C-alpha atoms as a PDB file:
ATOM      1  CA  MET A   1      96.851 149.519  65.673  1.00  0.00           C
ATOM      2  CA  PRO A   2     100.676 151.125  65.366  1.00  0.00           C
ATOM      3  CA  LYS A   3     102.025 151.324  62.079  1.00  0.00           C
ATOM      4  CA  ALA A   4     104.683 148.599  61.015  1.00  0.00           C
ATOM      5  CA  LYS A   5     107.960 150.788  60.971  1.00  0.00           C
ATOM      6  CA  LEU A   6     110.891 150.136  58.632  1.00  0.00           C
ATOM      7  CA  LEU A   7     114.140 151.838  58.545  1.00  0.00           C
ATOM      8  CA  LEU A   8     115.345 152.510  54.631  1.00  0.00           C
ATOM      9  CA  ILE A   9     119.233 152.759  54.416  1.00  0.00           C
ATOM     10  CA  GLU A  10     119.712 154.399  50.974  1.00  0.00           C
ATOM     11  CA  ASP A  11     122.537 156.820  49.607  1.00  0.00           C
ATOM     12  CA  ASN A  12     120.496 157.661  46.304  1.00  0.00           C
ATOM     13  CA  PRO A  13     117.997 160.682  46.964  1.00  0.00           C
ATOM     14  CA  ARG A  14     115.661 159.948  43.841  1.00  0.00           C
ATOM     15  CA  ILE A  15     115.695 156.396  45.390  1.00  0.00           C
ATOM     16  CA  GLN A  16     115.378 156.963  48.467  1.00  0.00           C
ATOM     17  CA  ILE A  17     112.442 159.455  48.582  1.00  0.00           C
ATOM     18  CA  ALA A  18     110.524 157.209  45.946  1.00  0.00           C
ATOM     19  CA  ASN A  19     110.568 154.407  48.207  1.00  0.00           C
ATOM     20  CA  LYS A  20     109.602 156.500  51.111  1.00  0.00           C
ATOM     21  CA  ASP A  21     106.813 157.751  49.623  1.00  0.00           C
ATOM     22  CA  MET A  22     105.567 154.737  48.236  1.00  0.00           C
ATOM     23  CA  LEU A  23     105.860 152.787  51.564  1.00  0.00           C
ATOM     24  CA  GLU A  24     104.233 155.347  53.669  1.00  0.00           C
ATOM     25  CA  LEU A  25     101.003 155.396  51.416  1.00  0.00           C
ATOM     26  CA  LEU A  26     101.024 151.671  52.053  1.00  0.00           C
ATOM     27  CA  ASP A  27     100.441 152.989  55.728  1.00  0.00           C
ATOM     28  CA  TYR A  28     104.065 152.296  56.892  1.00  0.00           C
ATOM     29  CA  GLU A  29     106.146 154.474  59.054  1.00  0.00           C
ATOM     30  CA  VAL A  30     109.202 155.178  57.538  1.00  0.00           C
ATOM     31  CA  ALA A  31     112.662 156.250  58.931  1.00  0.00           C
ATOM     32  CA  ILE A  32     115.801 157.154  56.513  1.00  0.00           C
ATOM     33  CA  ALA A  33     119.381 157.444  56.606  1.00  0.00           C
ATOM     34  CA  MET A  34     121.637 158.175  53.866  1.00  0.00           C
ATOM     35  CA  ASN A  35     124.766 156.502  55.306  1.00  0.00           C
ATOM     36  CA  LEU A  36     126.080 154.052  58.133  1.00  0.00           C
ATOM     37  CA  ALA A  37     126.612 156.460  60.542  1.00  0.00           C
ATOM     38  CA  GLU A  38     122.939 157.960  60.501  1.00  0.00           C
ATOM     39  CA  ALA A  39     121.616 154.161  60.629  1.00  0.00           C
ATOM     40  CA  ARG A  40     123.665 153.610  63.695  1.00  0.00           C
ATOM     41  CA  GLU A  41     122.318 156.650  65.046  1.00  0.00           C
ATOM     42  CA  CYS A  42     118.202 156.070  64.019  1.00  0.00           C
ATOM     43  CA  LEU A  43     118.881 152.112  65.594  1.00  0.00           C
ATOM     44  CA  SER A  44     120.229 153.553  68.861  1.00  0.00           C
ATOM     45  CA  THR A  45     117.002 155.533  69.563  1.00  0.00           C
ATOM     46  CA  GLN A  46     114.213 153.058  67.990  1.00  0.00           C
ATOM     47  CA  MET A  47     113.885 149.659  66.664  1.00  0.00           C
ATOM     48  CA  PRO A  48     112.221 149.234  63.490  1.00  0.00           C
ATOM     49  CA  ASP A  49     110.100 146.149  62.287  1.00  0.00           C
ATOM     50  CA  VAL A  50     111.938 145.678  59.019  1.00  0.00           C
ATOM     51  CA  VAL A  51     115.442 147.003  57.906  1.00  0.00           C
ATOM     52  CA  VAL A  52     115.805 147.803  54.169  1.00  0.00           C
ATOM     53  CA  LEU A  53     119.437 148.120  53.732  1.00  0.00           C
ATOM     54  CA  ASP A  54     121.746 149.111  50.676  1.00  0.00           C
ATOM     55  CA  ILE A  55     124.958 147.701  49.700  1.00  0.00           C
ATOM     56  CA  MET A  56     127.186 150.482  48.205  1.00  0.00           C
ATOM     57  CA  LEU A  57     127.248 153.339  51.035  1.00  0.00           C
ATOM     58  CA  PRO A  58     129.342 156.093  51.036  1.00  0.00           C
ATOM     59  CA  ASP A  59     130.708 155.188  54.584  1.00  0.00           C
ATOM     60  CA  GLY A  60     131.023 151.276  54.527  1.00  0.00           C
ATOM     61  CA  SER A  61     129.477 148.505  52.829  1.00  0.00           C
ATOM     62  CA  GLY A  62     125.996 147.624  53.596  1.00  0.00           C
ATOM     63  CA  LEU A  63     127.001 143.810  53.898  1.00  0.00           C
ATOM     64  CA  ASP A  64     129.682 144.563  56.828  1.00  0.00           C
ATOM     65  CA  PHE A  65     126.796 146.349  58.465  1.00  0.00           C
ATOM     66  CA  LEU A  66     124.668 143.440  57.988  1.00  0.00           C
ATOM     67  CA  GLN A  67     127.480 141.357  59.997  1.00  0.00           C
ATOM     68  CA  GLU A  68     127.289 144.303  62.420  1.00  0.00           C
ATOM     69  CA  LEU A  69     123.386 144.086  62.873  1.00  0.00           C
ATOM     70  CA  ARG A  70     123.295 140.067  63.277  1.00  0.00           C
ATOM     71  CA  GLN A  71     125.589 140.666  66.325  1.00  0.00           C
ATOM     72  CA  ASN A  72     123.129 142.288  68.374  1.00  0.00           C
ATOM     73  CA  THR A  73     119.483 141.525  66.626  1.00  0.00           C
ATOM     74  CA  GLU A  74     117.559 139.062  64.474  1.00  0.00           C
ATOM     75  CA  LEU A  75     115.441 142.168  62.904  1.00  0.00           C
ATOM     76  CA  PRO A  76     114.259 140.921  59.230  1.00  0.00           C
ATOM     77  CA  VAL A  77     116.578 142.471  57.011  1.00  0.00           C
ATOM     78  CA  LEU A  78     115.754 143.200  53.122  1.00  0.00           C
ATOM     79  CA  MET A  79     118.952 143.810  50.987  1.00  0.00           C
ATOM     80  CA  LEU A  80     118.666 146.578  48.180  1.00  0.00           C
ATOM     81  CA  THR A  81     121.694 146.800  45.484  1.00  0.00           C
ATOM     82  CA  ALA A  82     122.528 147.165  42.213  1.00  0.00           C
ATOM     83  CA  LEU A  83     124.912 144.360  42.657  1.00  0.00           C
ATOM     84  CA  GLY A  84     122.355 141.420  41.449  1.00  0.00           C
ATOM     85  CA  SER A  85     125.293 138.478  40.129  1.00  0.00           C
ATOM     86  CA  ASN A  86     124.288 135.260  42.016  1.00  0.00           C
ATOM     87  CA  GLU A  87     127.646 135.386  43.981  1.00  0.00           C
ATOM     88  CA  ASP A  88     126.341 138.885  45.966  1.00  0.00           C
ATOM     89  CA  THR A  89     122.983 137.299  46.474  1.00  0.00           C
ATOM     90  CA  VAL A  90     124.500 134.389  48.234  1.00  0.00           C
ATOM     91  CA  ARG A  91     126.967 136.235  49.983  1.00  0.00           C
ATOM     92  CA  GLY A  92     124.139 138.600  51.442  1.00  0.00           C
ATOM     93  CA  LEU A  93     121.820 135.889  52.169  1.00  0.00           C
ATOM     94  CA  SER A  94     124.841 133.655  53.773  1.00  0.00           C
ATOM     95  CA  LEU A  95     125.458 136.624  56.126  1.00  0.00           C
ATOM     96  CA  GLY A  96     121.729 136.832  57.514  1.00  0.00           C
ATOM     97  CA  ALA A  97     120.057 138.786  54.907  1.00  0.00           C
ATOM     98  CA  ASP A  98     116.526 137.939  54.877  1.00  0.00           C
ATOM     99  CA  ASP A  99     115.565 138.578  51.297  1.00  0.00           C
ATOM    100  CA  TYR A 100     117.150 140.060  48.474  1.00  0.00           C
ATOM    101  CA  LEU A 101     115.998 142.620  45.775  1.00  0.00           C
ATOM    102  CA  ALA A 102     118.646 143.873  43.042  1.00  0.00           C
ATOM    103  CA  LYS A 103     117.942 147.504  41.085  1.00  0.00           C
ATOM    104  CA  PRO A 104     116.178 148.117  39.188  1.00  0.00           C
ATOM    105  CA  TYR A 105     113.120 146.351  40.907  1.00  0.00           C
ATOM    106  CA  ASP A 106     109.175 146.842  40.761  1.00  0.00           C
ATOM    107  CA  TYR A 107     107.719 149.130  43.770  1.00  0.00           C
ATOM    108  CA  GLN A 108     105.127 146.721  43.825  1.00  0.00           C
ATOM    109  CA  VAL A 109     107.739 143.835  44.364  1.00  0.00           C
ATOM    110  CA  LEU A 110     109.721 145.851  46.817  1.00  0.00           C
ATOM    111  CA  ALA A 111     106.265 146.474  49.037  1.00  0.00           C
ATOM    112  CA  ALA A 112     105.579 142.605  48.378  1.00  0.00           C
ATOM    113  CA  ARG A 113     108.783 141.737  50.089  1.00  0.00           C
ATOM    114  CA  VAL A 114     108.337 144.146  52.674  1.00  0.00           C
ATOM    115  CA  GLU A 115     105.288 142.651  53.681  1.00  0.00           C
ATOM    116  CA  ALA A 116     106.373 139.127  53.733  1.00  0.00           C
ATOM    117  CA  LEU A 117     109.282 139.976  55.718  1.00  0.00           C
ATOM    118  CA  LEU A 118     106.592 141.524  58.345  1.00  0.00           C
ATOM    119  CA  ARG A 119     104.459 138.469  58.404  1.00  0.00           C
ATOM    120  CA  ARG A 120     107.705 136.304  58.893  1.00  0.00           C
ATOM    121  CA  ALA A 121     108.717 138.221  61.658  1.00  0.00           C
ATOM    122  CA  GLN A 122     104.941 138.440  63.520  1.00  0.00           C
ATOM    123  CA  GLN A 123     105.183 134.284  63.692  1.00  0.00           C
ATOM    124  CA  VAL A 124     106.149 133.567  67.132  1.00  0.00           C
ATOM    125  CA  PRO A 125     107.452 129.996  68.514  1.00  0.00           C
ATOM    126  CA  GLU A 126     105.040 128.023  71.113  1.00  0.00           C
ATOM    127  CA  ARG A 127     107.994 128.039  73.845  1.00  0.00           C
ATOM    128  CA  ILE A 128     110.790 130.021  74.124  1.00  0.00           C
ATOM    129  CA  ILE A 129     113.858 129.431  76.617  1.00  0.00           C
ATOM    130  CA  LYS A 130     116.682 131.421  77.663  1.00  0.00           C
ATOM    131  CA  GLY A 131     118.253 129.931  80.591  1.00  0.00           C
ATOM    132  CA  ARG A 132     115.950 129.495  83.587  1.00  0.00           C
ATOM    133  CA  LEU A 133     113.235 131.438  81.873  1.00  0.00           C
ATOM    134  CA  CYS A 134     110.471 129.618  79.843  1.00  0.00           C
ATOM    135  CA  LEU A 135     107.760 131.092  77.843  1.00  0.00           C
ATOM    136  CA  ASP A 136     104.875 129.513  76.907  1.00  0.00           C
ATOM    137  CA  VAL A 137     103.735 131.681  74.292  1.00  0.00           C
ATOM    138  CA  THR A 138     100.295 129.833  73.264  1.00  0.00           C
ATOM    139  CA  ALA A 139      99.120 130.082  76.907  1.00  0.00           C
ATOM    140  CA  ASP A 140     101.164 133.352  77.808  1.00  0.00           C
ATOM    141  CA  VAL A 141     103.038 131.463  80.754  1.00  0.00           C
ATOM    142  CA  ALA A 142     106.259 132.179  81.974  1.00  0.00           C
ATOM    143  CA  THR A 143     107.916 130.007  84.378  1.00  0.00           C
ATOM    144  CA  CYS A 144     111.289 130.190  85.980  1.00  0.00           C
ATOM    145  CA  GLU A 145     112.732 126.879  86.745  1.00  0.00           C
ATOM    146  CA  GLY A 146     109.210 125.395  86.358  1.00  0.00           C
ATOM    147  CA  ALA A 147     107.691 127.935  88.643  1.00  0.00           C
ATOM    148  CA  ASP A 148     105.179 130.079  87.827  1.00  0.00           C
ATOM    149  CA  LEU A 149     105.922 133.950  87.727  1.00  0.00           C
ATOM    150  CA  LEU A 150     102.276 134.863  87.692  1.00  0.00           C
ATOM    151  CA  LEU A 151     102.391 137.362  84.577  1.00  0.00           C
ATOM    152  CA  SER A 152      99.828 139.544  84.004  1.00  0.00           C
ATOM    153  CA  GLN A 153      99.180 139.841  80.178  1.00  0.00           C
ATOM    154  CA  LYS A 154     101.262 142.955  79.653  1.00  0.00           C
ATOM    155  CA  GLU A 155     103.714 141.756  81.743  1.00  0.00           C
ATOM    156  CA  PHE A 156     103.996 138.890  79.631  1.00  0.00           C
ATOM    157  CA  SER A 157     103.918 141.012  76.505  1.00  0.00           C
ATOM    158  CA  LEU A 158     106.487 143.178  77.448  1.00  0.00           C
ATOM    159  CA  LEU A 159     108.982 139.867  78.558  1.00  0.00           C
ATOM    160  CA  LEU A 160     108.439 138.944  75.111  1.00  0.00           C
ATOM    161  CA  ILE A 161     109.794 141.516  73.417  1.00  0.00           C
ATOM    162  CA  PHE A 162     112.686 142.011  75.751  1.00  0.00           C
ATOM    163  CA  VAL A 163     113.222 137.844  74.977  1.00  0.00           C
ATOM    164  CA  GLN A 164     113.262 138.548  71.589  1.00  0.00           C
ATOM    165  CA  ASN A 165     115.578 141.436  71.805  1.00  0.00           C
ATOM    166  CA  GLU A 166     118.019 140.550  74.557  1.00  0.00           C
ATOM    167  CA  GLU A 167     121.186 142.868  75.045  1.00  0.00           C
ATOM    168  CA  ARG A 168     119.341 145.443  72.632  1.00  0.00           C
ATOM    169  CA  PHE A 169     118.016 149.156  74.045  1.00  0.00           C
ATOM    170  CA  ILE A 170     114.426 149.376  73.193  1.00  0.00           C
ATOM    171  CA  SER A 171     112.600 152.614  73.719  1.00  0.00           C
ATOM    172  CA  ALA A 172     109.434 153.144  75.696  1.00  0.00           C
ATOM    173  CA  GLU A 173     107.577 154.619  72.977  1.00  0.00           C
ATOM    174  CA  TYR A 174     107.927 151.323  70.780  1.00  0.00           C
ATOM    175  CA  LEU A 175     107.267 149.181  74.093  1.00  0.00           C
ATOM    176  CA  TYR A 176     104.295 151.050  74.815  1.00  0.00           C
ATOM    177  CA  GLU A 177     102.745 151.059  71.016  1.00  0.00           C
ATOM    178  CA  LYS A 178     103.352 147.172  70.612  1.00  0.00           C
ATOM    179  CA  VAL A 179     101.722 146.227  74.134  1.00  0.00           C
ATOM    180  CA  TRP A 180      99.268 148.909  74.651  1.00  0.00           C
ATOM    181  CA  LYS A 181      98.164 148.927  70.999  1.00  0.00           C
ATOM    182  CA  GLN A 182      98.394 152.962  70.853  1.00  0.00           C
ATOM    183  CA  PRO A 183     100.977 155.543  70.602  1.00  0.00           C
ATOM    184  CA  MET A 184     102.149 156.576  74.109  1.00  0.00           C
ATOM    185  CA  VAL A 185     101.089 159.906  74.605  1.00  0.00           C
ATOM    186  CA  GLY A 186     102.581 161.938  77.489  1.00  0.00           C
ATOM    187  CA  SER A 187     103.746 160.527  80.743  1.00  0.00           C
ATOM    188  CA  SER A 188     105.218 157.031  80.335  1.00  0.00           C
ATOM    189  CA  ASN A 189     104.172 155.889  84.156  1.00  0.00           C
ATOM    190  CA  THR A 190     101.845 153.101  83.146  1.00  0.00           C
ATOM    191  CA  LEU A 191     105.110 151.392  81.233  1.00  0.00           C
ATOM    192  CA  LYS A 192     107.308 152.009  84.294  1.00  0.00           C
ATOM    193  CA  THR A 193     104.946 150.694  86.611  1.00  0.00           C
ATOM    194  CA  THR A 194     104.298 147.463  84.516  1.00  0.00           C
ATOM    195  CA  ILE A 195     108.108 147.022  84.013  1.00  0.00           C
ATOM    196  CA  ASN A 196     108.937 147.479  87.597  1.00  0.00           C
ATOM    197  CA  ARG A 197     106.633 144.571  88.622  1.00  0.00           C
ATOM    198  CA  LEU A 198     108.319 142.290  85.828  1.00  0.00           C
ATOM    199  CA  ARG A 199     111.400 143.394  87.274  1.00  0.00           C
ATOM    200  CA  GLU A 200     110.809 142.068  90.482  1.00  0.00           C
ATOM    201  CA  LYS A 201     109.007 138.627  89.167  1.00  0.00           C
ATOM    202  CA  ILE A 202     112.253 137.862  87.217  1.00  0.00           C
ATOM    203  CA  LYS A 203     115.064 138.649  89.567  1.00  0.00           C
ATOM    204  CA  LYS A 204     115.836 135.441  90.710  1.00  0.00           C
ATOM    205  CA  CYS A 205     115.589 134.272  86.672  1.00  0.00           C
ATOM    206  CA  GLY A 206     119.170 135.243  85.583  1.00  0.00           C
ATOM    207  CA  TYR A 207     118.419 138.321  83.780  1.00  0.00           C
ATOM    208  CA  ARG A 208     117.529 141.770  84.397  1.00  0.00           C
ATOM    209  CA  ILE A 209     116.086 144.998  82.768  1.00  0.00           C
ATOM    210  CA  GLU A 210     118.321 148.125  82.496  1.00  0.00           C
ATOM    211  CA  TRP A 211     117.298 151.247  81.558  1.00  0.00           C
ATOM    212  CA  SER A 212     119.336 154.191  80.134  1.00  0.00           C
ATOM    213  CA  ARG A 213     117.977 157.748  79.474  1.00  0.00           C
ATOM    214  CA  GLY A 214     118.085 158.455  75.690  1.00  0.00           C
ATOM    215  CA  GLU A 215     118.200 154.796  74.661  1.00  0.00           C
ATOM    216  CA  GLY A 216     115.701 153.243  76.576  1.00  0.00           C
ATOM    217  CA  TYR A 217     115.027 149.775  78.119  1.00  0.00           C
ATOM    218  CA  CYS A 218     117.588 146.636  77.837  1.00  0.00           C
ATOM    219  CA  PHE A 219     117.289 143.187  78.799  1.00  0.00           C
ATOM    220  CA  GLU A 220     120.264 140.954  79.779  1.00  0.00           C
ATOM    221  CA  LYS A 221     121.777 138.595  81.652  1.00  0.00           C
ATOM    222  CA  GLU A 222     123.288 139.509  85.074  1.00  0.00           C
END
């Protein structure tokens, strides 16, 4: 089973290293960013399962970055900050943060909050509708204007990930790990073949799956 992936955006080296070491001991895969520029670069090539975001960063506000994130993704975001007033908490949550933890905090509390966000993110609605597409998640069935697309289990799993991350690039490695439940080693031909079949089956549904070198696959409206 692939490890859950976390992105820590924190400019304090001591806090960053301590958080990273603790979370890796709990078997998470942890990427780090010292500032917003590094965070954007990281998010352009991989998709974490949870973002842990500091507010006060050297090249901008984490709150502004949160707004930027929410324009493109519903990734779970846990705000970590020294600003612990009620006003700061309310502002962070109103801008779309999923949880808020003020410094100083107990590492066990941080771990518990991350785990709670992961559990919440894994809760998928029974039915998802995107334009002419309808996904019955409980039955692994996708229809287009009522017609069954006859997707395989792998095709449905890929489509579910795409629908939940519309207009966001997703790496081949992430898709393979999520759908095939193991790291992608060597060629990605199996993934490419499955996505090509999925492309054909959804081509009349108003969506397409694009690919960009160095960025990955993107599910978007035609």
